[in-house]
Amino acid sequence: MTDEQKQRLEAKSTLGRTVTFKNNGIPGERKVGKIVDEVALVVSKHKHLIQKILFAEGISWDGSPHGYRTGYYTYSTGMKKIVWGHDTQFLTGNEYRVLLAKAKAKGWDLFQ
């Protein structure tokens, strides 16, 4: 990966985006919430991240104001386009601790 490609990957952000889920067996999608924060770690050609999502009204099933989603961005074949990863995320314990430490440093409520 070139320095320019690495910089593009590091800069990729989902802040402010709406999260939607498909309705199983029903056409359309439902709004889950909005991404209000994220922490990330670039490992090789993958940008692993945890997204903090502010639930939309009536979505939280236990009264929590936020949900958290993990995932990653990577380059498509040919290293031209950055895409959301479709496979299961895989990190070492050390790498995952770095992500969690970043979330804790930001004061995320999952550590209370």
PDB file of N, CA and C in Angstrom:
ATOM      1  N   MET A   1       0.843  -1.165   0.000  1.00  0.00           N
ATOM      2  CA  MET A   1       0.000   0.000   0.000  1.00  0.00           C
ATOM      3  C   MET A   1       0.898   1.241   0.000  1.00  0.00           C
ATOM      4  N   THR A   2       0.551   2.189  -0.832  1.00  0.00           N
ATOM      5  CA  THR A   2       1.338   3.421  -0.903  1.00  0.00           C
ATOM      6  C   THR A   2       0.997   4.320   0.292  1.00  0.00           C
ATOM      7  N   ASP A   3       1.825   5.315   0.543  1.00  0.00           N
ATOM      8  CA  ASP A   3       1.547   6.269   1.617  1.00  0.00           C
ATOM      9  C   ASP A   3       0.223   6.990   1.376  1.00  0.00           C
ATOM     10  N   GLU A   4      -0.045   7.348   0.124  1.00  0.00           N
ATOM     11  CA  GLU A   4      -1.288   8.044  -0.218  1.00  0.00           C
ATOM     12  C   GLU A   4      -2.496   7.148   0.053  1.00  0.00           C
ATOM     13  N   GLN A   5      -2.402   5.869  -0.281  1.00  0.00           N
ATOM     14  CA  GLN A   5      -3.502   4.943  -0.025  1.00  0.00           C
ATOM     15  C   GLN A   5      -3.730   4.768   1.478  1.00  0.00           C
ATOM     16  N   LYS A   6      -2.648   4.692   2.235  1.00  0.00           N
ATOM     17  CA  LYS A   6      -2.767   4.554   3.679  1.00  0.00           C
ATOM     18  C   LYS A   6      -3.431   5.798   4.279  1.00  0.00           C
ATOM     19  N   GLN A   7      -3.057   6.983   3.805  1.00  0.00           N
ATOM     20  CA  GLN A   7      -3.660   8.223   4.296  1.00  0.00           C
ATOM     21  C   GLN A   7      -5.153   8.269   3.976  1.00  0.00           C
ATOM     22  N   ARG A   8      -5.531   7.825   2.785  1.00  0.00           N
ATOM     23  CA  ARG A   8      -6.951   7.782   2.408  1.00  0.00           C
ATOM     24  C   ARG A   8      -7.730   6.832   3.309  1.00  0.00           C
ATOM     25  N   LEU A   9      -7.131   5.678   3.602  1.00  0.00           N
ATOM     26  CA  LEU A   9      -7.783   4.694   4.462  1.00  0.00           C
ATOM     27  C   LEU A   9      -7.926   5.242   5.883  1.00  0.00           C
ATOM     28  N   GLU A  10      -6.872   5.854   6.404  1.00  0.00           N
ATOM     29  CA  GLU A  10      -6.921   6.425   7.751  1.00  0.00           C
ATOM     30  C   GLU A  10      -7.976   7.524   7.853  1.00  0.00           C
ATOM     31  N   ALA A  11      -8.172   8.281   6.783  1.00  0.00           N
ATOM     32  CA  ALA A  11      -9.112   9.404   6.785  1.00  0.00           C
ATOM     33  C   ALA A  11     -10.573   8.964   6.618  1.00  0.00           C
ATOM     34  N   LYS A  12     -10.802   7.744   6.166  1.00  0.00           N
ATOM     35  CA  LYS A  12     -12.173   7.262   5.933  1.00  0.00           C
ATOM     36  C   LYS A  12     -12.950   7.287   7.243  1.00  0.00           C
ATOM     37  N   SER A  13     -14.118   7.927   7.240  1.00  0.00           N
ATOM     38  CA  SER A  13     -14.912   8.075   8.454  1.00  0.00           C
ATOM     39  C   SER A  13     -16.387   7.878   8.143  1.00  0.00           C
ATOM     40  N   THR A  14     -17.100   7.434   9.149  1.00  0.00           N
ATOM     41  CA  THR A  14     -18.542   7.235   9.026  1.00  0.00           C
ATOM     42  C   THR A  14     -19.318   8.185   9.935  1.00  0.00           C
ATOM     43  N   LEU A  15     -18.649   9.123  10.555  1.00  0.00           N
ATOM     44  CA  LEU A  15     -19.307  10.046  11.481  1.00  0.00           C
ATOM     45  C   LEU A  15     -20.475  10.768  10.812  1.00  0.00           C
ATOM     46  N   GLY A  16     -21.591  10.811  11.518  1.00  0.00           N
ATOM     47  CA  GLY A  16     -22.760  11.520  11.019  1.00  0.00           C
ATOM     48  C   GLY A  16     -23.667  10.699  10.123  1.00  0.00           C
ATOM     49  N   ARG A  17     -23.233   9.528   9.727  1.00  0.00           N
ATOM     50  CA  ARG A  17     -24.062   8.710   8.833  1.00  0.00           C
ATOM     51  C   ARG A  17     -25.182   8.019   9.596  1.00  0.00           C
ATOM     52  N   THR A  18     -26.276   7.787   8.899  1.00  0.00           N
ATOM     53  CA  THR A  18     -27.405   7.051   9.447  1.00  0.00           C
ATOM     54  C   THR A  18     -27.169   5.563   9.256  1.00  0.00           C
ATOM     55  N   VAL A  19     -27.476   4.785  10.287  1.00  0.00           N
ATOM     56  CA  VAL A  19     -27.361   3.331  10.223  1.00  0.00           C
ATOM     57  C   VAL A  19     -28.751   2.763  10.006  1.00  0.00           C
ATOM     58  N   THR A  20     -28.890   1.934   8.981  1.00  0.00           N
ATOM     59  CA  THR A  20     -30.164   1.281   8.702  1.00  0.00           C
ATOM     60  C   THR A  20     -29.952  -0.230   8.649  1.00  0.00           C
ATOM     61  N   PHE A  21     -30.990  -0.966   8.988  1.00  0.00           N
ATOM     62  CA  PHE A  21     -30.981  -2.423   8.877  1.00  0.00           C
ATOM     63  C   PHE A  21     -32.088  -2.839   7.935  1.00  0.00           C
ATOM     64  N   LYS A  22     -31.859  -3.918   7.225  1.00  0.00           N
ATOM     65  CA  LYS A  22     -32.899  -4.482   6.381  1.00  0.00           C
ATOM     66  C   LYS A  22     -33.915  -5.189   7.264  1.00  0.00           C
ATOM     67  N   ASN A  23     -35.156  -5.158   6.848  1.00  0.00           N
ATOM     68  CA  ASN A  23     -36.221  -5.887   7.530  1.00  0.00           C
ATOM     69  C   ASN A  23     -36.319  -7.271   6.897  1.00  0.00           C
ATOM     70  N   ASN A  24     -36.050  -8.305   7.652  1.00  0.00           N
ATOM     71  CA  ASN A  24     -36.099  -9.664   7.106  1.00  0.00           C
ATOM     72  C   ASN A  24     -37.497  -9.999   6.606  1.00  0.00           C
ATOM     73  N   GLY A  25     -37.579 -10.347   5.350  1.00  0.00           N
ATOM     74  CA  GLY A  25     -38.844 -10.751   4.747  1.00  0.00           C
ATOM     75  C   GLY A  25     -39.776  -9.616   4.388  1.00  0.00           C
ATOM     76  N   ILE A  26     -39.376  -8.380   4.664  1.00  0.00           N
ATOM     77  CA  ILE A  26     -40.218  -7.224   4.371  1.00  0.00           C
ATOM     78  C   ILE A  26     -39.387  -6.238   3.539  1.00  0.00           C
ATOM     79  N   PRO A  27     -39.919  -5.730   2.451  1.00  0.00           N
ATOM     80  CA  PRO A  27     -39.166  -4.753   1.665  1.00  0.00           C
ATOM     81  C   PRO A  27     -38.835  -3.500   2.486  1.00  0.00           C
ATOM     82  N   GLY A  28     -37.718  -2.917   2.193  1.00  0.00           N
ATOM     83  CA  GLY A  28     -37.335  -1.666   2.841  1.00  0.00           C
ATOM     84  C   GLY A  28     -36.362  -1.853   3.985  1.00  0.00           C
ATOM     85  N   GLU A  29     -36.051  -0.733   4.628  1.00  0.00           N
ATOM     86  CA  GLU A  29     -35.100  -0.720   5.723  1.00  0.00           C
ATOM     87  C   GLU A  29     -35.689   0.062   6.886  1.00  0.00           C
ATOM     88  N   ARG A  30     -35.082  -0.116   8.067  1.00  0.00           N
ATOM     89  CA  ARG A  30     -35.490   0.688   9.214  1.00  0.00           C
ATOM     90  C   ARG A  30     -34.281   1.422   9.760  1.00  0.00           C
ATOM     91  N   LYS A  31     -34.499   2.640  10.199  1.00  0.00           N
ATOM     92  CA  LYS A  31     -33.433   3.463  10.745  1.00  0.00           C
ATOM     93  C   LYS A  31     -33.113   2.980  12.156  1.00  0.00           C
ATOM     94  N   VAL A  32     -31.837   2.695  12.404  1.00  0.00           N
ATOM     95  CA  VAL A  32     -31.383   2.260  13.715  1.00  0.00           C
ATOM     96  C   VAL A  32     -30.878   3.450  14.517  1.00  0.00           C
ATOM     97  N   GLY A  33     -30.146   4.342  13.866  1.00  0.00           N
ATOM     98  CA  GLY A  33     -29.616   5.501  14.559  1.00  0.00           C
ATOM     99  C   GLY A  33     -28.575   6.226  13.726  1.00  0.00           C
ATOM    100  N   LYS A  34     -27.784   7.046  14.415  1.00  0.00           N
ATOM    101  CA  LYS A  34     -26.783   7.876  13.756  1.00  0.00           C
ATOM    102  C   LYS A  34     -25.422   7.631  14.410  1.00  0.00           C
ATOM    103  N   ILE A  35     -24.369   7.543  13.600  1.00  0.00           N
ATOM    104  CA  ILE A  35     -23.019   7.348  14.113  1.00  0.00           C
ATOM    105  C   ILE A  35     -22.524   8.673  14.684  1.00  0.00           C
ATOM    106  N   VAL A  36     -22.273   8.682  15.990  1.00  0.00           N
ATOM    107  CA  VAL A  36     -21.885   9.913  16.669  1.00  0.00           C
ATOM    108  C   VAL A  36     -20.408   9.939  17.053  1.00  0.00           C
ATOM    109  N   ASP A  37     -19.742   8.786  17.002  1.00  0.00           N
ATOM    110  CA  ASP A  37     -18.306   8.737  17.314  1.00  0.00           C
ATOM    111  C   ASP A  37     -17.757   7.428  16.786  1.00  0.00           C
ATOM    112  N   GLU A  38     -16.444   7.373  16.668  1.00  0.00           N
ATOM    113  CA  GLU A  38     -15.788   6.132  16.251  1.00  0.00           C
ATOM    114  C   GLU A  38     -14.349   6.148  16.720  1.00  0.00           C
ATOM    115  N   VAL A  39     -13.811   4.946  16.945  1.00  0.00           N
ATOM    116  CA  VAL A  39     -12.384   4.779  17.208  1.00  0.00           C
ATOM    117  C   VAL A  39     -11.882   3.777  16.186  1.00  0.00           C
ATOM    118  N   ALA A  40     -10.624   3.936  15.780  1.00  0.00           N
ATOM    119  CA  ALA A  40     -10.125   3.095  14.689  1.00  0.00           C
ATOM    120  C   ALA A  40      -8.652   2.768  14.871  1.00  0.00           C
ATOM    121  N   LEU A  41      -8.254   1.695  14.212  1.00  0.00           N
ATOM    122  CA  LEU A  41      -6.871   1.239  14.198  1.00  0.00           C
ATOM    123  C   LEU A  41      -6.608   0.630  12.821  1.00  0.00           C
ATOM    124  N   VAL A  42      -5.581   1.130  12.135  1.00  0.00           N
ATOM    125  CA  VAL A  42      -5.216   0.573  10.833  1.00  0.00           C
ATOM    126  C   VAL A  42      -4.216  -0.552  11.056  1.00  0.00           C
ATOM    127  N   VAL A  43      -4.559  -1.729  10.548  1.00  0.00           N
ATOM    128  CA  VAL A  43      -3.693  -2.907  10.603  1.00  0.00           C
ATOM    129  C   VAL A  43      -3.573  -3.422   9.184  1.00  0.00           C
ATOM    130  N   SER A  44      -2.352  -3.382   8.668  1.00  0.00           N
ATOM    131  CA  SER A  44      -2.109  -3.781   7.291  1.00  0.00           C
ATOM    132  C   SER A  44      -2.973  -2.920   6.372  1.00  0.00           C
ATOM    133  N   LYS A  45      -3.819  -3.515   5.552  1.00  0.00           N
ATOM    134  CA  LYS A  45      -4.654  -2.728   4.639  1.00  0.00           C
ATOM    135  C   LYS A  45      -6.114  -2.663   5.101  1.00  0.00           C
ATOM    136  N   HIS A  46      -6.329  -2.803   6.420  1.00  0.00           N
ATOM    137  CA  HIS A  46      -7.668  -2.750   6.992  1.00  0.00           C
ATOM    138  C   HIS A  46      -7.740  -1.663   8.060  1.00  0.00           C
ATOM    139  N   LYS A  47      -8.801  -0.873   8.020  1.00  0.00           N
ATOM    140  CA  LYS A  47      -9.069   0.103   9.077  1.00  0.00           C
ATOM    141  C   LYS A  47     -10.197  -0.479   9.934  1.00  0.00           C
ATOM    142  N   HIS A  48      -9.813  -1.043  11.079  1.00  0.00           N
ATOM    143  CA  HIS A  48     -10.773  -1.625  12.006  1.00  0.00           C
ATOM    144  C   HIS A  48     -11.352  -0.513  12.860  1.00  0.00           C
ATOM    145  N   LEU A  49     -12.659  -0.589  13.125  1.00  0.00           N
ATOM    146  CA  LEU A  49     -13.258   0.468  13.914  1.00  0.00           C
ATOM    147  C   LEU A  49     -14.410  -0.032  14.758  1.00  0.00           C
ATOM    148  N   ILE A  50     -14.701   0.751  15.788  1.00  0.00           N
ATOM    149  CA  ILE A  50     -15.905   0.584  16.587  1.00  0.00           C
ATOM    150  C   ILE A  50     -16.693   1.872  16.419  1.00  0.00           C
ATOM    151  N   GLN A  51     -17.933   1.740  16.033  1.00  0.00           N
ATOM    152  CA  GLN A  51     -18.807   2.897  15.851  1.00  0.00           C
ATOM    153  C   GLN A  51     -19.734   3.026  17.054  1.00  0.00           C
ATOM    154  N   LYS A  52     -19.878   4.239  17.563  1.00  0.00           N
ATOM    155  CA  LYS A  52     -20.833   4.536  18.629  1.00  0.00           C
ATOM    156  C   LYS A  52     -22.070   5.122  17.957  1.00  0.00           C
ATOM    157  N   ILE A  53     -23.203   4.462  18.136  1.00  0.00           N
ATOM    158  CA  ILE A  53     -24.423   4.824  17.424  1.00  0.00           C
ATOM    159  C   ILE A  53     -25.482   5.295  18.416  1.00  0.00           C
ATOM    160  N   LEU A  54     -25.981   6.512  18.208  1.00  0.00           N
ATOM    161  CA  LEU A  54     -27.088   7.034  19.003  1.00  0.00           C
ATOM    162  C   LEU A  54     -28.367   6.447  18.427  1.00  0.00           C
ATOM    163  N   PHE A  55     -29.055   5.648  19.252  1.00  0.00           N
ATOM    164  CA  PHE A  55     -30.263   4.988  18.766  1.00  0.00           C
ATOM    165  C   PHE A  55     -31.343   5.990  18.369  1.00  0.00           C
ATOM    166  N   ALA A  56     -32.062   5.668  17.310  1.00  0.00           N
ATOM    167  CA  ALA A  56     -33.255   6.421  16.937  1.00  0.00           C
ATOM    168  C   ALA A  56     -34.348   6.130  17.973  1.00  0.00           C
ATOM    169  N   GLU A  57     -35.325   6.983  18.043  1.00  0.00           N
ATOM    170  CA  GLU A  57     -36.432   6.833  18.994  1.00  0.00           C
ATOM    171  C   GLU A  57     -37.093   5.455  18.853  1.00  0.00           C
ATOM    172  N   GLY A  58     -37.250   4.757  19.988  1.00  0.00           N
ATOM    173  CA  GLY A  58     -37.951   3.474  20.001  1.00  0.00           C
ATOM    174  C   GLY A  58     -37.145   2.277  19.529  1.00  0.00           C
ATOM    175  N   ILE A  59     -35.862   2.433  19.257  1.00  0.00           N
ATOM    176  CA  ILE A  59     -35.056   1.331  18.725  1.00  0.00           C
ATOM    177  C   ILE A  59     -34.391   0.509  19.832  1.00  0.00           C
ATOM    178  N   SER A  60     -33.899   1.154  20.867  1.00  0.00           N
ATOM    179  CA  SER A  60     -33.184   0.438  21.924  1.00  0.00           C
ATOM    180  C   SER A  60     -34.112  -0.547  22.627  1.00  0.00           C
ATOM    181  N   TRP A  61     -33.697  -1.786  22.736  1.00  0.00           N
ATOM    182  CA  TRP A  61     -34.518  -2.820  23.350  1.00  0.00           C
ATOM    183  C   TRP A  61     -34.304  -2.920  24.857  1.00  0.00           C
ATOM    184  N   ASP A  62     -33.274  -2.214  25.398  1.00  0.00           N
ATOM    185  CA  ASP A  62     -33.045  -2.271  26.845  1.00  0.00           C
ATOM    186  C   ASP A  62     -32.913  -0.886  27.481  1.00  0.00           C
ATOM    187  N   GLY A  63     -33.255   0.162  26.731  1.00  0.00           N
ATOM    188  CA  GLY A  63     -33.198   1.515  27.259  1.00  0.00           C
ATOM    189  C   GLY A  63     -31.853   2.206  27.113  1.00  0.00           C
ATOM    190  N   SER A  64     -30.857   1.515  26.572  1.00  0.00           N
ATOM    191  CA  SER A  64     -29.541   2.118  26.363  1.00  0.00           C
ATOM    192  C   SER A  64     -29.633   3.207  25.297  1.00  0.00           C
ATOM    193  N   PRO A  65     -28.967   4.350  25.507  1.00  0.00           N
ATOM    194  CA  PRO A  65     -29.024   5.405  24.502  1.00  0.00           C
ATOM    195  C   PRO A  65     -28.157   5.115  23.277  1.00  0.00           C
ATOM    196  N   HIS A  66     -27.148   4.267  23.447  1.00  0.00           N
ATOM    197  CA  HIS A  66     -26.200   3.989  22.367  1.00  0.00           C
ATOM    198  C   HIS A  66     -26.057   2.492  22.117  1.00  0.00           C
ATOM    199  N   GLY A  67     -25.730   2.182  20.885  1.00  0.00           N
ATOM    200  CA  GLY A  67     -25.315   0.849  20.489  1.00  0.00           C
ATOM    201  C   GLY A  67     -23.931   0.962  19.872  1.00  0.00           C
ATOM    202  N   TYR A  68     -23.238  -0.161  19.740  1.00  0.00           N
ATOM    203  CA  TYR A  68     -21.870  -0.168  19.213  1.00  0.00           C
ATOM    204  C   TYR A  68     -21.758  -1.229  18.129  1.00  0.00           C
ATOM    205  N   ARG A  69     -21.102  -0.858  17.046  1.00  0.00           N
ATOM    206  CA  ARG A  69     -20.915  -1.779  15.926  1.00  0.00           C
ATOM    207  C   ARG A  69     -19.447  -1.806  15.561  1.00  0.00           C
ATOM    208  N   THR A  70     -18.917  -3.000  15.384  1.00  0.00           N
ATOM    209  CA  THR A  70     -17.534  -3.135  14.929  1.00  0.00           C
ATOM    210  C   THR A  70     -17.535  -3.507  13.458  1.00  0.00           C
ATOM    211  N   GLY A  71     -16.470  -3.150  12.792  1.00  0.00           N
ATOM    212  CA  GLY A  71     -16.327  -3.467  11.381  1.00  0.00           C
ATOM    213  C   GLY A  71     -14.995  -2.965  10.873  1.00  0.00           C
ATOM    214  N   TYR A  72     -14.847  -2.962   9.561  1.00  0.00           N
ATOM    215  CA  TYR A  72     -13.593  -2.478   8.986  1.00  0.00           C
ATOM    216  C   TYR A  72     -13.795  -1.984   7.566  1.00  0.00           C
ATOM    217  N   TYR A  73     -12.888  -1.107   7.160  1.00  0.00           N
ATOM    218  CA  TYR A  73     -12.775  -0.669   5.781  1.00  0.00           C
ATOM    219  C   TYR A  73     -11.502  -1.256   5.205  1.00  0.00           C
ATOM    220  N   THR A  74     -11.526  -1.535   3.916  1.00  0.00           N
ATOM    221  CA  THR A  74     -10.362  -2.036   3.208  1.00  0.00           C
ATOM    222  C   THR A  74     -10.466  -1.596   1.755  1.00  0.00           C
ATOM    223  N   TYR A  75      -9.453  -1.874   0.997  1.00  0.00           N
ATOM    224  CA  TYR A  75      -9.482  -1.547  -0.430  1.00  0.00           C
ATOM    225  C   TYR A  75     -10.062  -2.703  -1.229  1.00  0.00           C
ATOM    226  N   SER A  76     -10.811  -2.360  -2.267  1.00  0.00           N
ATOM    227  CA  SER A  76     -11.318  -3.370  -3.195  1.00  0.00           C
ATOM    228  C   SER A  76     -10.153  -3.906  -4.017  1.00  0.00           C
ATOM    229  N   THR A  77     -10.414  -4.937  -4.770  1.00  0.00           N
ATOM    230  CA  THR A  77      -9.396  -5.488  -5.656  1.00  0.00           C
ATOM    231  C   THR A  77      -8.875  -4.385  -6.563  1.00  0.00           C
ATOM    232  N   GLY A  78      -7.579  -4.266  -6.672  1.00  0.00           N
ATOM    233  CA  GLY A  78      -6.975  -3.214  -7.473  1.00  0.00           C
ATOM    234  C   GLY A  78      -6.565  -2.005  -6.647  1.00  0.00           C
ATOM    235  N   MET A  79      -6.945  -1.998  -5.353  1.00  0.00           N
ATOM    236  CA  MET A  79      -6.532  -0.953  -4.402  1.00  0.00           C
ATOM    237  C   MET A  79      -6.952   0.454  -4.833  1.00  0.00           C
ATOM    238  N   LYS A  80      -8.120   0.577  -5.491  1.00  0.00           N
ATOM    239  CA  LYS A  80      -8.570   1.897  -5.941  1.00  0.00           C
ATOM    240  C   LYS A  80      -9.717   2.446  -5.107  1.00  0.00           C
ATOM    241  N   LYS A  81     -10.608   1.586  -4.644  1.00  0.00           N
ATOM    242  CA  LYS A  81     -11.808   2.032  -3.944  1.00  0.00           C
ATOM    243  C   LYS A  81     -11.821   1.460  -2.524  1.00  0.00           C
ATOM    244  N   ILE A  82     -12.173   2.308  -1.544  1.00  0.00           N
ATOM    245  CA  ILE A  82     -12.296   1.849  -0.165  1.00  0.00           C
ATOM    246  C   ILE A  82     -13.713   1.336   0.035  1.00  0.00           C
ATOM    247  N   VAL A  83     -13.831   0.125   0.591  1.00  0.00           N
ATOM    248  CA  VAL A  83     -15.133  -0.511   0.768  1.00  0.00           C
ATOM    249  C   VAL A  83     -15.285  -1.008   2.205  1.00  0.00           C
ATOM    250  N   TRP A  84     -16.549  -1.132   2.637  1.00  0.00           N
ATOM    251  CA  TRP A  84     -16.866  -1.711   3.943  1.00  0.00           C
ATOM    252  C   TRP A  84     -16.624  -3.212   3.860  1.00  0.00           C
ATOM    253  N   GLY A  85     -15.928  -3.772   4.831  1.00  0.00           N
ATOM    254  CA  GLY A  85     -15.626  -5.201   4.827  1.00  0.00           C
ATOM    255  C   GLY A  85     -16.864  -6.051   5.030  1.00  0.00           C
ATOM    256  N   HIS A  86     -16.953  -7.135   4.310  1.00  0.00           N
ATOM    257  CA  HIS A  86     -18.099  -8.033   4.410  1.00  0.00           C
ATOM    258  C   HIS A  86     -17.787  -9.297   5.195  1.00  0.00           C
ATOM    259  N   ASP A  87     -16.539  -9.513   5.519  1.00  0.00           N
ATOM    260  CA  ASP A  87     -16.158 -10.695   6.277  1.00  0.00           C
ATOM    261  C   ASP A  87     -16.058 -10.344   7.755  1.00  0.00           C
ATOM    262  N   THR A  88     -16.011 -11.367   8.582  1.00  0.00           N
ATOM    263  CA  THR A  88     -15.880 -11.148  10.015  1.00  0.00           C
ATOM    264  C   THR A  88     -14.540 -10.491  10.316  1.00  0.00           C
ATOM    265  N   GLN A  89     -14.577  -9.542  11.209  1.00  0.00           N
ATOM    266  CA  GLN A  89     -13.378  -8.830  11.638  1.00  0.00           C
ATOM    267  C   GLN A  89     -12.492  -9.786  12.428  1.00  0.00           C
ATOM    268  N   PHE A  90     -11.165  -9.662  12.281  1.00  0.00           N
ATOM    269  CA  PHE A  90     -10.234 -10.518  13.011  1.00  0.00           C
ATOM    270  C   PHE A  90      -9.050  -9.686  13.468  1.00  0.00           C
ATOM    271  N   LEU A  91      -8.882  -9.572  14.788  1.00  0.00           N
ATOM    272  CA  LEU A  91      -7.799  -8.805  15.387  1.00  0.00           C
ATOM    273  C   LEU A  91      -7.129  -9.632  16.462  1.00  0.00           C
ATOM    274  N   THR A  92      -5.885  -9.302  16.774  1.00  0.00           N
ATOM    275  CA  THR A  92      -5.224  -9.924  17.921  1.00  0.00           C
ATOM    276  C   THR A  92      -5.768  -9.284  19.202  1.00  0.00           C
ATOM    277  N   GLY A  93      -5.493  -9.907  20.330  1.00  0.00           N
ATOM    278  CA  GLY A  93      -5.893  -9.334  21.606  1.00  0.00           C
ATOM    279  C   GLY A  93      -5.277  -7.965  21.828  1.00  0.00           C
ATOM    280  N   ASN A  94      -4.005  -7.812  21.470  1.00  0.00           N
ATOM    281  CA  ASN A  94      -3.323  -6.519  21.627  1.00  0.00           C
ATOM    282  C   ASN A  94      -3.990  -5.442  20.787  1.00  0.00           C
ATOM    283  N   GLU A  95      -4.346  -5.762  19.544  1.00  0.00           N
ATOM    284  CA  GLU A  95      -4.986  -4.785  18.665  1.00  0.00           C
ATOM    285  C   GLU A  95      -6.367  -4.398  19.195  1.00  0.00           C
ATOM    286  N   TYR A  96      -7.123  -5.381  19.693  1.00  0.00           N
ATOM    287  CA  TYR A  96      -8.451  -5.069  20.217  1.00  0.00           C
ATOM    288  C   TYR A  96      -8.357  -4.229  21.480  1.00  0.00           C
ATOM    289  N   ARG A  97      -7.363  -4.489  22.318  1.00  0.00           N
ATOM    290  CA  ARG A  97      -7.168  -3.671  23.512  1.00  0.00           C
ATOM    291  C   ARG A  97      -6.871  -2.223  23.142  1.00  0.00           C
ATOM    292  N   VAL A  98      -6.122  -2.000  22.050  1.00  0.00           N
ATOM    293  CA  VAL A  98      -5.841  -0.634  21.594  1.00  0.00           C
ATOM    294  C   VAL A  98      -7.153   0.068  21.223  1.00  0.00           C
ATOM    295  N   LEU A  99      -8.028  -0.615  20.475  1.00  0.00           N
ATOM    296  CA  LEU A  99      -9.321  -0.029  20.110  1.00  0.00           C
ATOM    297  C   LEU A  99     -10.150   0.297  21.351  1.00  0.00           C
ATOM    298  N   LEU A 100     -10.211  -0.640  22.282  1.00  0.00           N
ATOM    299  CA  LEU A 100     -10.997  -0.415  23.493  1.00  0.00           C
ATOM    300  C   LEU A 100     -10.414   0.703  24.343  1.00  0.00           C
ATOM    301  N   ALA A 101      -9.088   0.811  24.393  1.00  0.00           N
ATOM    302  CA  ALA A 101      -8.441   1.893  25.145  1.00  0.00           C
ATOM    303  C   ALA A 101      -8.784   3.252  24.534  1.00  0.00           C
ATOM    304  N   LYS A 102      -8.864   3.319  23.203  1.00  0.00           N
ATOM    305  CA  LYS A 102      -9.246   4.571  22.544  1.00  0.00           C
ATOM    306  C   LYS A 102     -10.677   4.950  22.909  1.00  0.00           C
ATOM    307  N   ALA A 103     -11.577   3.969  22.936  1.00  0.00           N
ATOM    308  CA  ALA A 103     -12.966   4.240  23.312  1.00  0.00           C
ATOM    309  C   ALA A 103     -13.045   4.684  24.772  1.00  0.00           C
ATOM    310  N   LYS A 104     -12.297   4.037  25.638  1.00  0.00           N
ATOM    311  CA  LYS A 104     -12.290   4.404  27.056  1.00  0.00           C
ATOM    312  C   LYS A 104     -11.742   5.821  27.245  1.00  0.00           C
ATOM    313  N   ALA A 105     -10.680   6.159  26.501  1.00  0.00           N
ATOM    314  CA  ALA A 105     -10.089   7.500  26.601  1.00  0.00           C
ATOM    315  C   ALA A 105     -11.073   8.589  26.183  1.00  0.00           C
ATOM    316  N   LYS A 106     -12.017   8.260  25.296  1.00  0.00           N
ATOM    317  CA  LYS A 106     -13.031   9.215  24.868  1.00  0.00           C
ATOM    318  C   LYS A 106     -14.202   9.281  25.829  1.00  0.00           C
ATOM    319  N   GLY A 107     -14.179   8.438  26.878  1.00  0.00           N
ATOM    320  CA  GLY A 107     -15.233   8.469  27.880  1.00  0.00           C
ATOM    321  C   GLY A 107     -16.518   7.777  27.476  1.00  0.00           C
ATOM    322  N   TRP A 108     -16.440   6.839  26.532  1.00  0.00           N
ATOM    323  CA  TRP A 108     -17.649   6.142  26.086  1.00  0.00           C
ATOM    324  C   TRP A 108     -18.309   5.472  27.275  1.00  0.00           C
ATOM    325  N   ASP A 109     -19.628   5.516  27.331  1.00  0.00           N
ATOM    326  CA  ASP A 109     -20.385   5.012  28.475  1.00  0.00           C
ATOM    327  C   ASP A 109     -20.375   3.499  28.620  1.00  0.00           C
ATOM    328  N   LEU A 110     -19.788   2.755  27.741  1.00  0.00           N
ATOM    329  CA  LEU A 110     -19.737   1.323  27.878  1.00  0.00           C
ATOM    330  C   LEU A 110     -18.759   0.880  28.958  1.00  0.00           C
ATOM    331  N   PHE A 111     -17.998   1.805  29.520  1.00  0.00           N
ATOM    332  CA  PHE A 111     -17.022   1.471  30.565  1.00  0.00           C
ATOM    333  C   PHE A 111     -17.516   1.884  31.945  1.00  0.00           C
ATOM    334  N   GLN A 112     -18.763   2.240  32.096  1.00  0.00           N
ATOM    335  CA  GLN A 112     -19.287   2.681  33.389  1.00  0.00           C
ATOM    336  C   GLN A 112     -19.916   1.522  34.125  1.00  0.00           C
TER     337      GLN A 112
END
